[in-house]
Amino acid sequence: MIEPAVLSGLAAVSRVSRALVAPSELPVLAAAALREMREALALDRAVLYLPDADGLPVLRRLVGDEAAPELSFDDEAWRLATGAPIVLREPAGWLVANPFDPPATDWVILPLVEGVVIASSPAPIALDPLSSTVLSLLCSQLSAGITTARLRRELQAAAIERERRTLAAEVHDGLAQYLAVAQRELALPEPDRARLTEAVASAHRLVRERLRTLADDTPTSLRAALESAARRARTPVHLSGTGDAGAEAITLAARVVSEALANADAHARAQRAEIVYTADDDALELTVRDDGCGFDPAHVLGVGDGHLGLTVMRERARGYGGECTVTSTPGTGTEVQLWLPL
């Protein structure tokens, strides 16, 4: 028969495991782990300290109250503190200053991969084998949570940077070019009224389309997303294909199609475009063709040359683990091919 204390410890570990897979920020994850430590081991206070921007052995408090905002270890004390759990009796100033307010009589330092947890107890602390095992598991989980939260922040920052570049591409390759045409016409002694009107109307249409794209919810199917992108194009579009994909792949495919059709509208003077796709359990393959004037990809696929949108399409596909290629020659139209693993 399993002892109640064992069941309690396993339940605490299980609850922290569930918290770690939730899309929560590090302070929320850490608070859940510290709460389980306190309840499973009858601790009254638990505080998480992590390295500050200058690195070890100076640590700053992330989660927990009634404790000093900063801990400072010398090199020898830091090696001792991060080797194994250490139970201390007040004041224990030989290792590190007692961080609690009021000072703890019985407290423990629990090392993590980065940083430490410092906890106190109203009674003498005795780390029996079961308590030590539970603490070790909870500290390992908290270390994993710290790493996961950091990776999540890095991924979020990368996503923001990708969207920033996407917005720059849309402004540079669309709105800026239309406004440049309007500006040139206005600078002439006798501007071409039709050309000026078309440039302003195109700029207005592009802004409205982008705002509508941002406001729309993700379509429920791949075909619906591609049909929505096709409807926003001025060039007549024929769509054919089979299969479906997940929400992220659908969003990426729709954005690539929107960019390809926007280029066909703005630059290619195309009379007709075609979208062909297939999606199965392994991959999504999609092709966008137009019968426009074409171009030399070697001269326009760089970041600083006025066609940022083409570069963004490739970067989006690679970020998903796929590939996007653009094939064209002057006078023969353009073909954009997208491949995404599913």
C-alpha atoms as a PDB file:
ATOM      1  CA  MET A   1       0.000   0.000   0.000  1.00  0.00           C
ATOM      2  CA  ILE A   2       1.351   3.436  -0.932  1.00  0.00           C
ATOM      3  CA  GLU A   3       1.921   5.755   1.995  1.00  0.00           C
ATOM      4  CA  PRO A   4      -0.162   8.975   2.100  1.00  0.00           C
ATOM      5  CA  ALA A   5       3.033  11.050   2.153  1.00  0.00           C
ATOM      6  CA  VAL A   6       4.192   9.371  -1.054  1.00  0.00           C
ATOM      7  CA  LEU A   7       0.842  10.014  -2.721  1.00  0.00           C
ATOM      8  CA  SER A   8       0.959  13.648  -1.618  1.00  0.00           C
ATOM      9  CA  GLY A   9       4.441  14.082  -3.066  1.00  0.00           C
ATOM     10  CA  LEU A  10       3.494  12.450  -6.377  1.00  0.00           C
ATOM     11  CA  ALA A  11       0.366  14.602  -6.594  1.00  0.00           C
ATOM     12  CA  ALA A  12       2.477  17.742  -6.090  1.00  0.00           C
ATOM     13  CA  VAL A  13       4.869  16.688  -8.848  1.00  0.00           C
ATOM     14  CA  SER A  14       1.925  15.933 -11.164  1.00  0.00           C
ATOM     15  CA  ARG A  15       0.314  19.340 -10.554  1.00  0.00           C
ATOM     16  CA  VAL A  16       3.558  21.169 -11.303  1.00  0.00           C
ATOM     17  CA  SER A  17       3.989  19.106 -14.478  1.00  0.00           C
ATOM     18  CA  ARG A  18       0.556  20.237 -15.676  1.00  0.00           C
ATOM     19  CA  ALA A  19       1.406  23.846 -14.861  1.00  0.00           C
ATOM     20  CA  LEU A  20       4.601  23.635 -16.908  1.00  0.00           C
ATOM     21  CA  VAL A  21       2.771  22.799 -20.136  1.00  0.00           C
ATOM     22  CA  ALA A  22       0.377  25.732 -19.755  1.00  0.00           C
ATOM     23  CA  PRO A  23       1.175  28.848 -21.859  1.00  0.00           C
ATOM     24  CA  SER A  24       2.004  30.880 -18.757  1.00  0.00           C
ATOM     25  CA  GLU A  25       4.782  33.320 -18.026  1.00  0.00           C
ATOM     26  CA  LEU A  26       7.655  32.270 -15.766  1.00  0.00           C
ATOM     27  CA  PRO A  27       6.400  34.051 -12.596  1.00  0.00           C
ATOM     28  CA  VAL A  28       3.105  32.119 -12.830  1.00  0.00           C
ATOM     29  CA  LEU A  29       4.868  28.780 -13.338  1.00  0.00           C
ATOM     30  CA  ALA A  30       7.318  29.499 -10.524  1.00  0.00           C
ATOM     31  CA  ALA A  31       4.554  30.512  -8.126  1.00  0.00           C
ATOM     32  CA  ALA A  32       2.772  27.203  -8.765  1.00  0.00           C
ATOM     33  CA  ALA A  33       5.943  25.193  -8.149  1.00  0.00           C
ATOM     34  CA  LEU A  34       6.776  27.085  -4.956  1.00  0.00           C
ATOM     35  CA  ARG A  35       3.239  26.616  -3.671  1.00  0.00           C
ATOM     36  CA  GLU A  36       3.539  22.841  -4.142  1.00  0.00           C
ATOM     37  CA  MET A  37       6.899  22.834  -2.341  1.00  0.00           C
ATOM     38  CA  ARG A  38       5.406  24.648   0.622  1.00  0.00           C
ATOM     39  CA  GLU A  39       2.369  22.385   0.882  1.00  0.00           C
ATOM     40  CA  ALA A  40       4.203  19.084   0.322  1.00  0.00           C
ATOM     41  CA  LEU A  41       7.005  19.830   2.816  1.00  0.00           C
ATOM     42  CA  ALA A  42       5.251  22.069   5.364  1.00  0.00           C
ATOM     43  CA  LEU A  43       7.304  25.139   4.474  1.00  0.00           C
ATOM     44  CA  ASP A  44       6.032  28.598   5.348  1.00  0.00           C
ATOM     45  CA  ARG A  45       8.008  30.650   2.813  1.00  0.00           C
ATOM     46  CA  ALA A  46       9.669  29.888  -0.529  1.00  0.00           C
ATOM     47  CA  VAL A  47      11.433  32.355  -2.819  1.00  0.00           C
ATOM     48  CA  LEU A  48      12.910  31.954  -6.310  1.00  0.00           C
ATOM     49  CA  TYR A  49      16.105  33.835  -7.103  1.00  0.00           C
ATOM     50  CA  LEU A  50      17.574  34.009 -10.616  1.00  0.00           C
ATOM     51  CA  PRO A  51      20.813  35.529 -11.940  1.00  0.00           C
ATOM     52  CA  ASP A  52      20.633  39.217 -12.734  1.00  0.00           C
ATOM     53  CA  ALA A  53      21.822  40.737 -15.994  1.00  0.00           C
ATOM     54  CA  ASP A  54      25.416  40.737 -14.783  1.00  0.00           C
ATOM     55  CA  GLY A  55      25.374  37.012 -14.125  1.00  0.00           C
ATOM     56  CA  LEU A  56      26.322  34.907 -11.119  1.00  0.00           C
ATOM     57  CA  PRO A  57      26.807  34.968  -8.215  1.00  0.00           C
ATOM     58  CA  VAL A  58      24.408  37.930  -7.793  1.00  0.00           C
ATOM     59  CA  LEU A  59      20.775  36.785  -7.848  1.00  0.00           C
ATOM     60  CA  ARG A  60      17.552  38.764  -7.806  1.00  0.00           C
ATOM     61  CA  ARG A  61      14.196  37.737  -6.388  1.00  0.00           C
ATOM     62  CA  LEU A  62      11.630  36.760  -9.019  1.00  0.00           C
ATOM     63  CA  VAL A  63       8.807  35.168  -7.009  1.00  0.00           C
ATOM     64  CA  GLY A  64       8.177  35.303  -3.261  1.00  0.00           C
ATOM     65  CA  ASP A  65       7.567  37.901  -0.570  1.00  0.00           C
ATOM     66  CA  GLU A  66       9.134  38.733   2.784  1.00  0.00           C
ATOM     67  CA  ALA A  67      12.650  38.194   1.477  1.00  0.00           C
ATOM     68  CA  ALA A  68      15.558  40.351   0.388  1.00  0.00           C
ATOM     69  CA  PRO A  69      15.372  41.548  -3.229  1.00  0.00           C
ATOM     70  CA  GLU A  70      18.934  40.435  -3.915  1.00  0.00           C
ATOM     71  CA  LEU A  71      21.384  37.724  -2.841  1.00  0.00           C
ATOM     72  CA  SER A  72      25.115  37.954  -3.293  1.00  0.00           C
ATOM     73  CA  PHE A  73      27.399  34.921  -2.995  1.00  0.00           C
ATOM     74  CA  ASP A  74      31.148  34.821  -3.151  1.00  0.00           C
ATOM     75  CA  ASP A  75      32.584  32.197  -5.492  1.00  0.00           C
ATOM     76  CA  GLU A  76      33.184  29.546  -2.845  1.00  0.00           C
ATOM     77  CA  ALA A  77      29.762  30.024  -1.254  1.00  0.00           C
ATOM     78  CA  TRP A  78      28.121  29.783  -4.680  1.00  0.00           C
ATOM     79  CA  ARG A  79      29.835  26.451  -5.393  1.00  0.00           C
ATOM     80  CA  LEU A  80      28.555  25.109  -2.076  1.00  0.00           C
ATOM     81  CA  ALA A  81      25.037  26.473  -2.560  1.00  0.00           C
ATOM     82  CA  THR A  82      24.603  24.907  -5.986  1.00  0.00           C
ATOM     83  CA  GLY A  83      26.048  21.495  -5.203  1.00  0.00           C
ATOM     84  CA  ALA A  84      23.125  20.002  -3.234  1.00  0.00           C
ATOM     85  CA  PRO A  85      20.302  21.132  -0.917  1.00  0.00           C
ATOM     86  CA  ILE A  86      21.708  22.746   2.233  1.00  0.00           C
ATOM     87  CA  VAL A  87      19.762  23.036   5.480  1.00  0.00           C
ATOM     88  CA  LEU A  88      20.775  26.057   7.562  1.00  0.00           C
ATOM     89  CA  ARG A  89      20.251  27.308  11.086  1.00  0.00           C
ATOM     90  CA  GLU A  90      19.979  31.029  11.678  1.00  0.00           C
ATOM     91  CA  PRO A  91      21.932  33.165  11.032  1.00  0.00           C
ATOM     92  CA  ALA A  92      24.282  31.043   8.794  1.00  0.00           C
ATOM     93  CA  GLY A  93      26.006  34.160   7.590  1.00  0.00           C
ATOM     94  CA  TRP A  94      29.052  32.146   6.632  1.00  0.00           C
ATOM     95  CA  LEU A  95      27.295  31.131   3.408  1.00  0.00           C
ATOM     96  CA  VAL A  96      24.909  33.978   2.563  1.00  0.00           C
ATOM     97  CA  ALA A  97      22.964  36.560   4.514  1.00  0.00           C
ATOM     98  CA  ASN A  98      19.612  35.333   5.838  1.00  0.00           C
ATOM     99  CA  PRO A  99      17.202  36.809   3.250  1.00  0.00           C
ATOM    100  CA  PHE A 100      13.954  36.547   5.191  1.00  0.00           C
ATOM    101  CA  ASP A 101      12.115  39.304   7.034  1.00  0.00           C
ATOM    102  CA  PRO A 102      11.725  38.414   9.842  1.00  0.00           C
ATOM    103  CA  PRO A 103      14.834  36.195   9.696  1.00  0.00           C
ATOM    104  CA  ALA A 104      14.178  32.473   9.433  1.00  0.00           C
ATOM    105  CA  THR A 105      15.428  30.101  12.109  1.00  0.00           C
ATOM    106  CA  ASP A 106      15.329  27.018   9.887  1.00  0.00           C
ATOM    107  CA  TRP A 107      15.814  27.439   6.171  1.00  0.00           C
ATOM    108  CA  VAL A 108      17.082  25.565   3.150  1.00  0.00           C
ATOM    109  CA  ILE A 109      18.830  26.446  -0.126  1.00  0.00           C
ATOM    110  CA  LEU A 110      17.681  24.364  -3.097  1.00  0.00           C
ATOM    111  CA  PRO A 111      19.859  24.636  -6.235  1.00  0.00           C
ATOM    112  CA  LEU A 112      18.384  24.877  -9.730  1.00  0.00           C
ATOM    113  CA  VAL A 113      20.050  24.743 -13.121  1.00  0.00           C
ATOM    114  CA  GLU A 114      19.924  28.536 -12.929  1.00  0.00           C
ATOM    115  CA  GLY A 115      19.415  30.267  -9.622  1.00  0.00           C
ATOM    116  CA  VAL A 116      18.161  28.858  -6.323  1.00  0.00           C
ATOM    117  CA  VAL A 117      15.011  28.429  -4.265  1.00  0.00           C
ATOM    118  CA  ILE A 118      15.355  29.491  -0.651  1.00  0.00           C
ATOM    119  CA  ALA A 119      12.655  28.258   1.716  1.00  0.00           C
ATOM    120  CA  SER A 120      11.995  28.453   5.441  1.00  0.00           C
ATOM    121  CA  SER A 121      10.073  26.294   7.896  1.00  0.00           C
ATOM    122  CA  PRO A 122       8.471  27.026  11.279  1.00  0.00           C
ATOM    123  CA  ALA A 123       9.906  23.729  12.540  1.00  0.00           C
ATOM    124  CA  PRO A 124      13.369  22.160  12.216  1.00  0.00           C
ATOM    125  CA  ILE A 125      13.922  20.946   8.659  1.00  0.00           C
ATOM    126  CA  ALA A 126      14.841  17.284   8.176  1.00  0.00           C
ATOM    127  CA  LEU A 127      15.259  16.127   4.586  1.00  0.00           C
ATOM    128  CA  ASP A 128      14.316  12.457   4.744  1.00  0.00           C
ATOM    129  CA  PRO A 129      14.630  10.363   1.557  1.00  0.00           C
ATOM    130  CA  LEU A 130      11.033  11.020   0.502  1.00  0.00           C
ATOM    131  CA  SER A 131      11.247  14.780   1.085  1.00  0.00           C
ATOM    132  CA  SER A 132      14.575  14.938  -0.723  1.00  0.00           C
ATOM    133  CA  THR A 133      13.128  13.071  -3.712  1.00  0.00           C
ATOM    134  CA  VAL A 134      10.071  15.325  -3.913  1.00  0.00           C
ATOM    135  CA  LEU A 135      12.241  18.437  -3.633  1.00  0.00           C
ATOM    136  CA  SER A 136      14.602  17.148  -6.308  1.00  0.00           C
ATOM    137  CA  LEU A 137      11.728  16.462  -8.716  1.00  0.00           C
ATOM    138  CA  LEU A 138      10.080  19.822  -8.085  1.00  0.00           C
ATOM    139  CA  CYS A 139      13.381  21.675  -8.528  1.00  0.00           C
ATOM    140  CA  SER A 140      14.037  19.792 -11.775  1.00  0.00           C
ATOM    141  CA  GLN A 141      10.593  20.760 -13.025  1.00  0.00           C
ATOM    142  CA  LEU A 142      11.105  24.386 -12.032  1.00  0.00           C
ATOM    143  CA  SER A 143      14.438  24.402 -13.867  1.00  0.00           C
ATOM    144  CA  ALA A 144      12.665  23.051 -16.951  1.00  0.00           C
ATOM    145  CA  GLY A 145      10.022  25.747 -16.563  1.00  0.00           C
ATOM    146  CA  ILE A 146      12.678  28.459 -16.458  1.00  0.00           C
ATOM    147  CA  THR A 147      14.246  27.136 -19.663  1.00  0.00           C
ATOM    148  CA  THR A 148      10.844  26.768 -21.344  1.00  0.00           C
ATOM    149  CA  ALA A 149       9.764  30.284 -20.396  1.00  0.00           C
ATOM    150  CA  ARG A 150      13.003  31.730 -21.754  1.00  0.00           C
ATOM    151  CA  LEU A 151      12.594  29.857 -25.051  1.00  0.00           C
ATOM    152  CA  ARG A 152       8.984  31.015 -25.266  1.00  0.00           C
ATOM    153  CA  ARG A 153      10.089  34.633 -24.871  1.00  0.00           C
ATOM    154  CA  GLU A 154      12.732  34.173 -27.559  1.00  0.00           C
ATOM    155  CA  LEU A 155      10.172  32.636 -29.927  1.00  0.00           C
ATOM    156  CA  GLN A 156       7.741  35.473 -29.242  1.00  0.00           C
ATOM    157  CA  ALA A 157      10.482  38.006 -29.957  1.00  0.00           C
ATOM    158  CA  ALA A 158      11.309  36.200 -33.208  1.00  0.00           C
ATOM    159  CA  ALA A 159       7.633  36.187 -34.212  1.00  0.00           C
ATOM    160  CA  ILE A 160       7.369  39.910 -33.522  1.00  0.00           C
ATOM    161  CA  GLU A 161      10.468  40.535 -35.622  1.00  0.00           C
ATOM    162  CA  ARG A 162       9.017  38.487 -38.496  1.00  0.00           C
ATOM    163  CA  GLU A 163       5.785  40.477 -38.361  1.00  0.00           C
ATOM    164  CA  ARG A 164       7.770  43.719 -38.237  1.00  0.00           C
ATOM    165  CA  ARG A 165       9.602  42.751 -41.411  1.00  0.00           C
ATOM    166  CA  THR A 166       6.328  41.682 -43.013  1.00  0.00           C
ATOM    167  CA  LEU A 167       4.775  45.064 -42.283  1.00  0.00           C
ATOM    168  CA  ALA A 168       7.894  46.804 -43.612  1.00  0.00           C
ATOM    169  CA  ALA A 169       7.633  44.742 -46.794  1.00  0.00           C
ATOM    170  CA  GLU A 170       3.978  45.582 -47.318  1.00  0.00           C
ATOM    171  CA  VAL A 171       4.574  49.290 -46.754  1.00  0.00           C
ATOM    172  CA  HIS A 172       7.715  49.353 -48.904  1.00  0.00           C
ATOM    173  CA  ASP A 173       6.521  47.218 -51.792  1.00  0.00           C
ATOM    174  CA  GLY A 174       2.948  48.446 -51.902  1.00  0.00           C
ATOM    175  CA  LEU A 175       1.919  51.641 -50.177  1.00  0.00           C
ATOM    176  CA  ALA A 176       5.238  53.451 -50.614  1.00  0.00           C
ATOM    177  CA  GLN A 177       5.347  52.723 -54.334  1.00  0.00           C
ATOM    178  CA  TYR A 178       1.804  53.929 -54.960  1.00  0.00           C
ATOM    179  CA  LEU A 179       2.453  57.100 -52.976  1.00  0.00           C
ATOM    180  CA  ALA A 180       5.737  57.647 -54.844  1.00  0.00           C
ATOM    181  CA  VAL A 181       3.838  57.562 -58.140  1.00  0.00           C
ATOM    182  CA  ALA A 182       1.329  60.074 -56.779  1.00  0.00           C
ATOM    183  CA  GLN A 183       4.135  62.312 -55.523  1.00  0.00           C
ATOM    184  CA  ARG A 184       5.869  62.279 -58.916  1.00  0.00           C
ATOM    185  CA  GLU A 185       2.644  63.199 -60.684  1.00  0.00           C
ATOM    186  CA  LEU A 186       1.942  66.051 -58.287  1.00  0.00           C
ATOM    187  CA  ALA A 187       5.440  67.443 -58.930  1.00  0.00           C
ATOM    188  CA  LEU A 188       4.750  67.749 -62.673  1.00  0.00           C
ATOM    189  CA  PRO A 189       3.459  71.038 -64.138  1.00  0.00           C
ATOM    190  CA  GLU A 190       0.573  69.100 -65.693  1.00  0.00           C
ATOM    191  CA  PRO A 191       0.033  65.840 -63.753  1.00  0.00           C
ATOM    192  CA  ASP A 192      -1.699  62.909 -65.430  1.00  0.00           C
ATOM    193  CA  ARG A 193      -5.000  62.977 -63.584  1.00  0.00           C
ATOM    194  CA  ALA A 194      -5.881  59.363 -64.412  1.00  0.00           C
ATOM    195  CA  ARG A 195      -2.483  58.084 -63.281  1.00  0.00           C
ATOM    196  CA  LEU A 196      -2.664  60.145 -60.090  1.00  0.00           C
ATOM    197  CA  THR A 197      -6.179  58.911 -59.322  1.00  0.00           C
ATOM    198  CA  GLU A 198      -5.167  55.284 -59.890  1.00  0.00           C
ATOM    199  CA  ALA A 199      -2.104  55.594 -57.606  1.00  0.00           C
ATOM    200  CA  VAL A 200      -4.110  57.095 -54.755  1.00  0.00           C
ATOM    201  CA  ALA A 201      -6.938  54.582 -55.207  1.00  0.00           C
ATOM    202  CA  SER A 202      -4.443  51.697 -55.199  1.00  0.00           C
ATOM    203  CA  ALA A 203      -2.827  52.974 -51.985  1.00  0.00           C
ATOM    204  CA  HIS A 204      -6.231  53.286 -50.344  1.00  0.00           C
ATOM    205  CA  ARG A 205      -7.265  49.815 -51.501  1.00  0.00           C
ATOM    206  CA  LEU A 206      -4.035  48.261 -50.179  1.00  0.00           C
ATOM    207  CA  VAL A 207      -4.497  49.821 -46.744  1.00  0.00           C
ATOM    208  CA  ARG A 208      -8.105  48.621 -46.534  1.00  0.00           C
ATOM    209  CA  GLU A 209      -7.141  45.097 -47.607  1.00  0.00           C
ATOM    210  CA  ARG A 210      -4.359  44.869 -45.020  1.00  0.00           C
ATOM    211  CA  LEU A 211      -6.648  46.151 -42.266  1.00  0.00           C
ATOM    212  CA  ARG A 212      -9.311  43.643 -43.251  1.00  0.00           C
ATOM    213  CA  THR A 213      -6.726  40.844 -43.236  1.00  0.00           C
ATOM    214  CA  LEU A 214      -5.611  41.805 -39.738  1.00  0.00           C
ATOM    215  CA  ALA A 215      -9.194  41.932 -38.486  1.00  0.00           C
ATOM    216  CA  ASP A 216     -10.322  38.637 -40.036  1.00  0.00           C
ATOM    217  CA  ASP A 217     -10.346  35.463 -37.956  1.00  0.00           C
ATOM    218  CA  THR A 218      -8.309  32.521 -39.247  1.00  0.00           C
ATOM    219  CA  PRO A 219     -10.473  30.701 -41.836  1.00  0.00           C
ATOM    220  CA  THR A 220     -11.686  27.247 -40.888  1.00  0.00           C
ATOM    221  CA  SER A 221     -10.155  25.509 -43.904  1.00  0.00           C
ATOM    222  CA  LEU A 222      -7.275  25.847 -46.340  1.00  0.00           C
ATOM    223  CA  ARG A 223      -9.598  26.357 -49.294  1.00  0.00           C
ATOM    224  CA  ALA A 224     -11.549  29.088 -47.490  1.00  0.00           C
ATOM    225  CA  ALA A 225      -8.314  30.930 -46.691  1.00  0.00           C
ATOM    226  CA  LEU A 226      -7.101  30.731 -50.288  1.00  0.00           C
ATOM    227  CA  GLU A 227     -10.491  31.806 -51.641  1.00  0.00           C
ATOM    228  CA  SER A 228     -10.401  34.817 -49.308  1.00  0.00           C
ATOM    229  CA  ALA A 229      -6.927  35.770 -50.547  1.00  0.00           C
ATOM    230  CA  ALA A 230      -8.038  35.347 -54.169  1.00  0.00           C
ATOM    231  CA  ARG A 231     -11.076  37.587 -53.694  1.00  0.00           C
ATOM    232  CA  ARG A 232      -8.861  40.443 -52.547  1.00  0.00           C
ATOM    233  CA  ALA A 233      -6.877  40.401 -55.810  1.00  0.00           C
ATOM    234  CA  ARG A 234      -7.782  42.589 -58.773  1.00  0.00           C
ATOM    235  CA  THR A 235      -6.377  39.960 -61.159  1.00  0.00           C
ATOM    236  CA  PRO A 236      -8.899  37.173 -61.977  1.00  0.00           C
ATOM    237  CA  VAL A 237      -7.817  34.027 -60.103  1.00  0.00           C
ATOM    238  CA  HIS A 238      -8.655  30.355 -60.731  1.00  0.00           C
ATOM    239  CA  LEU A 239      -8.306  28.107 -57.661  1.00  0.00           C
ATOM    240  CA  SER A 240      -8.092  24.319 -57.636  1.00  0.00           C
ATOM    241  CA  GLY A 241      -6.833  21.751 -55.166  1.00  0.00           C
ATOM    242  CA  THR A 242      -7.601  19.180 -52.510  1.00  0.00           C
ATOM    243  CA  GLY A 243      -6.787  18.594 -48.847  1.00  0.00           C
ATOM    244  CA  ASP A 244      -6.572  20.645 -45.696  1.00  0.00           C
ATOM    245  CA  ALA A 245      -3.985  21.649 -43.097  1.00  0.00           C
ATOM    246  CA  GLY A 246      -3.585  23.027 -39.575  1.00  0.00           C
ATOM    247  CA  ALA A 247      -4.251  26.630 -38.606  1.00  0.00           C
ATOM    248  CA  GLU A 248      -0.608  27.757 -38.660  1.00  0.00           C
ATOM    249  CA  ALA A 249       0.064  26.247 -42.089  1.00  0.00           C
ATOM    250  CA  ILE A 250      -3.201  27.726 -43.399  1.00  0.00           C
ATOM    251  CA  THR A 251      -2.250  31.197 -42.189  1.00  0.00           C
ATOM    252  CA  LEU A 252       1.216  30.962 -43.717  1.00  0.00           C
ATOM    253  CA  ALA A 253      -0.107  29.672 -47.055  1.00  0.00           C
ATOM    254  CA  ALA A 254      -2.737  32.425 -47.216  1.00  0.00           C
ATOM    255  CA  ARG A 255      -0.119  35.104 -46.571  1.00  0.00           C
ATOM    256  CA  VAL A 256       2.183  33.751 -49.266  1.00  0.00           C
ATOM    257  CA  VAL A 257      -0.719  33.671 -51.739  1.00  0.00           C
ATOM    258  CA  SER A 258      -1.743  37.215 -50.752  1.00  0.00           C
ATOM    259  CA  GLU A 259       1.800  38.454 -51.320  1.00  0.00           C
ATOM    260  CA  ALA A 260       2.098  36.687 -54.677  1.00  0.00           C
ATOM    261  CA  LEU A 261      -1.224  38.074 -55.901  1.00  0.00           C
ATOM    262  CA  ALA A 262      -0.416  41.553 -54.576  1.00  0.00           C
ATOM    263  CA  ASN A 263       2.787  41.479 -56.628  1.00  0.00           C
ATOM    264  CA  ALA A 264       0.820  40.333 -59.665  1.00  0.00           C
ATOM    265  CA  ASP A 265      -1.545  43.283 -59.191  1.00  0.00           C
ATOM    266  CA  ALA A 266       1.086  45.907 -58.428  1.00  0.00           C
ATOM    267  CA  HIS A 267       3.996  44.978 -60.675  1.00  0.00           C
ATOM    268  CA  ALA A 268       3.204  42.254 -63.209  1.00  0.00           C
ATOM    269  CA  ARG A 269       0.202  43.757 -65.062  1.00  0.00           C
ATOM    270  CA  ALA A 270      -1.162  40.204 -65.089  1.00  0.00           C
ATOM    271  CA  GLN A 271      -4.430  39.342 -66.840  1.00  0.00           C
ATOM    272  CA  ARG A 272      -4.923  36.011 -65.096  1.00  0.00           C
ATOM    273  CA  ALA A 273      -3.562  34.050 -62.107  1.00  0.00           C
ATOM    274  CA  GLU A 274      -3.909  30.448 -60.977  1.00  0.00           C
ATOM    275  CA  ILE A 275      -3.596  28.780 -57.570  1.00  0.00           C
ATOM    276  CA  VAL A 276      -3.078  25.008 -57.414  1.00  0.00           C
ATOM    277  CA  TYR A 277      -2.599  23.138 -54.137  1.00  0.00           C
ATOM    278  CA  THR A 278      -2.511  19.663 -52.596  1.00  0.00           C
ATOM    279  CA  ALA A 279      -2.369  18.815 -48.902  1.00  0.00           C
ATOM    280  CA  ASP A 280      -2.103  15.386 -47.290  1.00  0.00           C
ATOM    281  CA  ASP A 281      -0.739  13.950 -44.064  1.00  0.00           C
ATOM    282  CA  ASP A 282       2.853  14.700 -45.069  1.00  0.00           C
ATOM    283  CA  ALA A 283       2.987  18.097 -46.737  1.00  0.00           C
ATOM    284  CA  LEU A 284       1.237  21.049 -48.309  1.00  0.00           C
ATOM    285  CA  GLU A 285       2.307  21.950 -51.840  1.00  0.00           C
ATOM    286  CA  LEU A 286       1.009  25.145 -53.409  1.00  0.00           C
ATOM    287  CA  THR A 287       1.739  27.010 -56.636  1.00  0.00           C
ATOM    288  CA  VAL A 288       0.680  30.514 -57.681  1.00  0.00           C
ATOM    289  CA  ARG A 289       1.174  31.404 -61.362  1.00  0.00           C
ATOM    290  CA  ASP A 290       0.433  34.601 -63.240  1.00  0.00           C
ATOM    291  CA  ASP A 291       0.725  35.579 -66.907  1.00  0.00           C
ATOM    292  CA  GLY A 292       2.272  38.979 -66.199  1.00  0.00           C
ATOM    293  CA  CYS A 293       5.378  40.654 -67.526  1.00  0.00           C
ATOM    294  CA  GLY A 294       7.753  38.665 -65.297  1.00  0.00           C
ATOM    295  CA  PHE A 295      11.090  39.807 -63.908  1.00  0.00           C
ATOM    296  CA  ASP A 296      14.619  38.652 -63.124  1.00  0.00           C
ATOM    297  CA  PRO A 297      14.562  37.176 -59.580  1.00  0.00           C
ATOM    298  CA  ALA A 298      18.320  37.630 -59.227  1.00  0.00           C
ATOM    299  CA  HIS A 299      17.799  41.399 -59.245  1.00  0.00           C
ATOM    300  CA  VAL A 300      14.836  41.709 -56.877  1.00  0.00           C
ATOM    301  CA  LEU A 301      15.058  39.038 -54.178  1.00  0.00           C
ATOM    302  CA  GLY A 302      17.319  40.940 -51.819  1.00  0.00           C
ATOM    303  CA  VAL A 303      16.256  42.714 -48.637  1.00  0.00           C
ATOM    304  CA  GLY A 304      17.085  46.234 -49.683  1.00  0.00           C
ATOM    305  CA  ASP A 305      15.976  46.325 -53.277  1.00  0.00           C
ATOM    306  CA  GLY A 306      12.290  47.164 -53.139  1.00  0.00           C
ATOM    307  CA  HIS A 307      10.885  43.638 -53.004  1.00  0.00           C
ATOM    308  CA  LEU A 308      11.008  42.791 -49.321  1.00  0.00           C
ATOM    309  CA  GLY A 309       7.764  40.853 -49.662  1.00  0.00           C
ATOM    310  CA  LEU A 310       9.465  38.125 -51.701  1.00  0.00           C
ATOM    311  CA  THR A 311      12.169  37.775 -49.061  1.00  0.00           C
ATOM    312  CA  VAL A 312       9.556  37.621 -46.301  1.00  0.00           C
ATOM    313  CA  MET A 313       7.727  34.795 -48.105  1.00  0.00           C
ATOM    314  CA  ARG A 314      10.899  32.714 -48.133  1.00  0.00           C
ATOM    315  CA  GLU A 315      11.715  33.474 -44.501  1.00  0.00           C
ATOM    316  CA  ARG A 316       8.206  32.565 -43.354  1.00  0.00           C
ATOM    317  CA  ALA A 317       8.382  29.208 -45.122  1.00  0.00           C
ATOM    318  CA  ARG A 318      11.833  28.408 -43.757  1.00  0.00           C
ATOM    319  CA  GLY A 319      10.722  29.361 -40.262  1.00  0.00           C
ATOM    320  CA  TYR A 320       8.032  26.674 -40.569  1.00  0.00           C
ATOM    321  CA  GLY A 321      10.529  24.114 -41.879  1.00  0.00           C
ATOM    322  CA  GLY A 322       9.402  24.475 -45.474  1.00  0.00           C
ATOM    323  CA  GLU A 323      10.552  26.212 -48.628  1.00  0.00           C
ATOM    324  CA  CYS A 324       9.264  28.942 -50.925  1.00  0.00           C
ATOM    325  CA  THR A 325      10.745  29.570 -54.368  1.00  0.00           C
ATOM    326  CA  VAL A 326      10.045  32.241 -56.972  1.00  0.00           C
ATOM    327  CA  THR A 327      10.611  31.465 -60.656  1.00  0.00           C
ATOM    328  CA  SER A 328      10.297  34.098 -63.352  1.00  0.00           C
ATOM    329  CA  THR A 329      11.867  35.534 -66.482  1.00  0.00           C
ATOM    330  CA  PRO A 330      10.981  38.810 -68.201  1.00  0.00           C
ATOM    331  CA  GLY A 331       7.987  38.344 -70.488  1.00  0.00           C
ATOM    332  CA  THR A 332       6.921  34.883 -69.245  1.00  0.00           C
ATOM    333  CA  GLY A 333       5.036  35.490 -66.003  1.00  0.00           C
ATOM    334  CA  THR A 334       5.910  34.425 -62.462  1.00  0.00           C
ATOM    335  CA  GLU A 335       5.499  31.204 -60.498  1.00  0.00           C
ATOM    336  CA  VAL A 336       5.644  31.024 -56.680  1.00  0.00           C
ATOM    337  CA  GLN A 337       5.935  27.532 -55.195  1.00  0.00           C
ATOM    338  CA  LEU A 338       5.396  26.790 -51.495  1.00  0.00           C
ATOM    339  CA  TRP A 339       6.152  23.514 -49.706  1.00  0.00           C
ATOM    340  CA  LEU A 340       5.343  23.031 -46.013  1.00  0.00           C
ATOM    341  CA  PRO A 341       5.751  19.876 -43.922  1.00  0.00           C
ATOM    342  CA  LEU A 342       2.572  18.842 -42.101  1.00  0.00           C
END
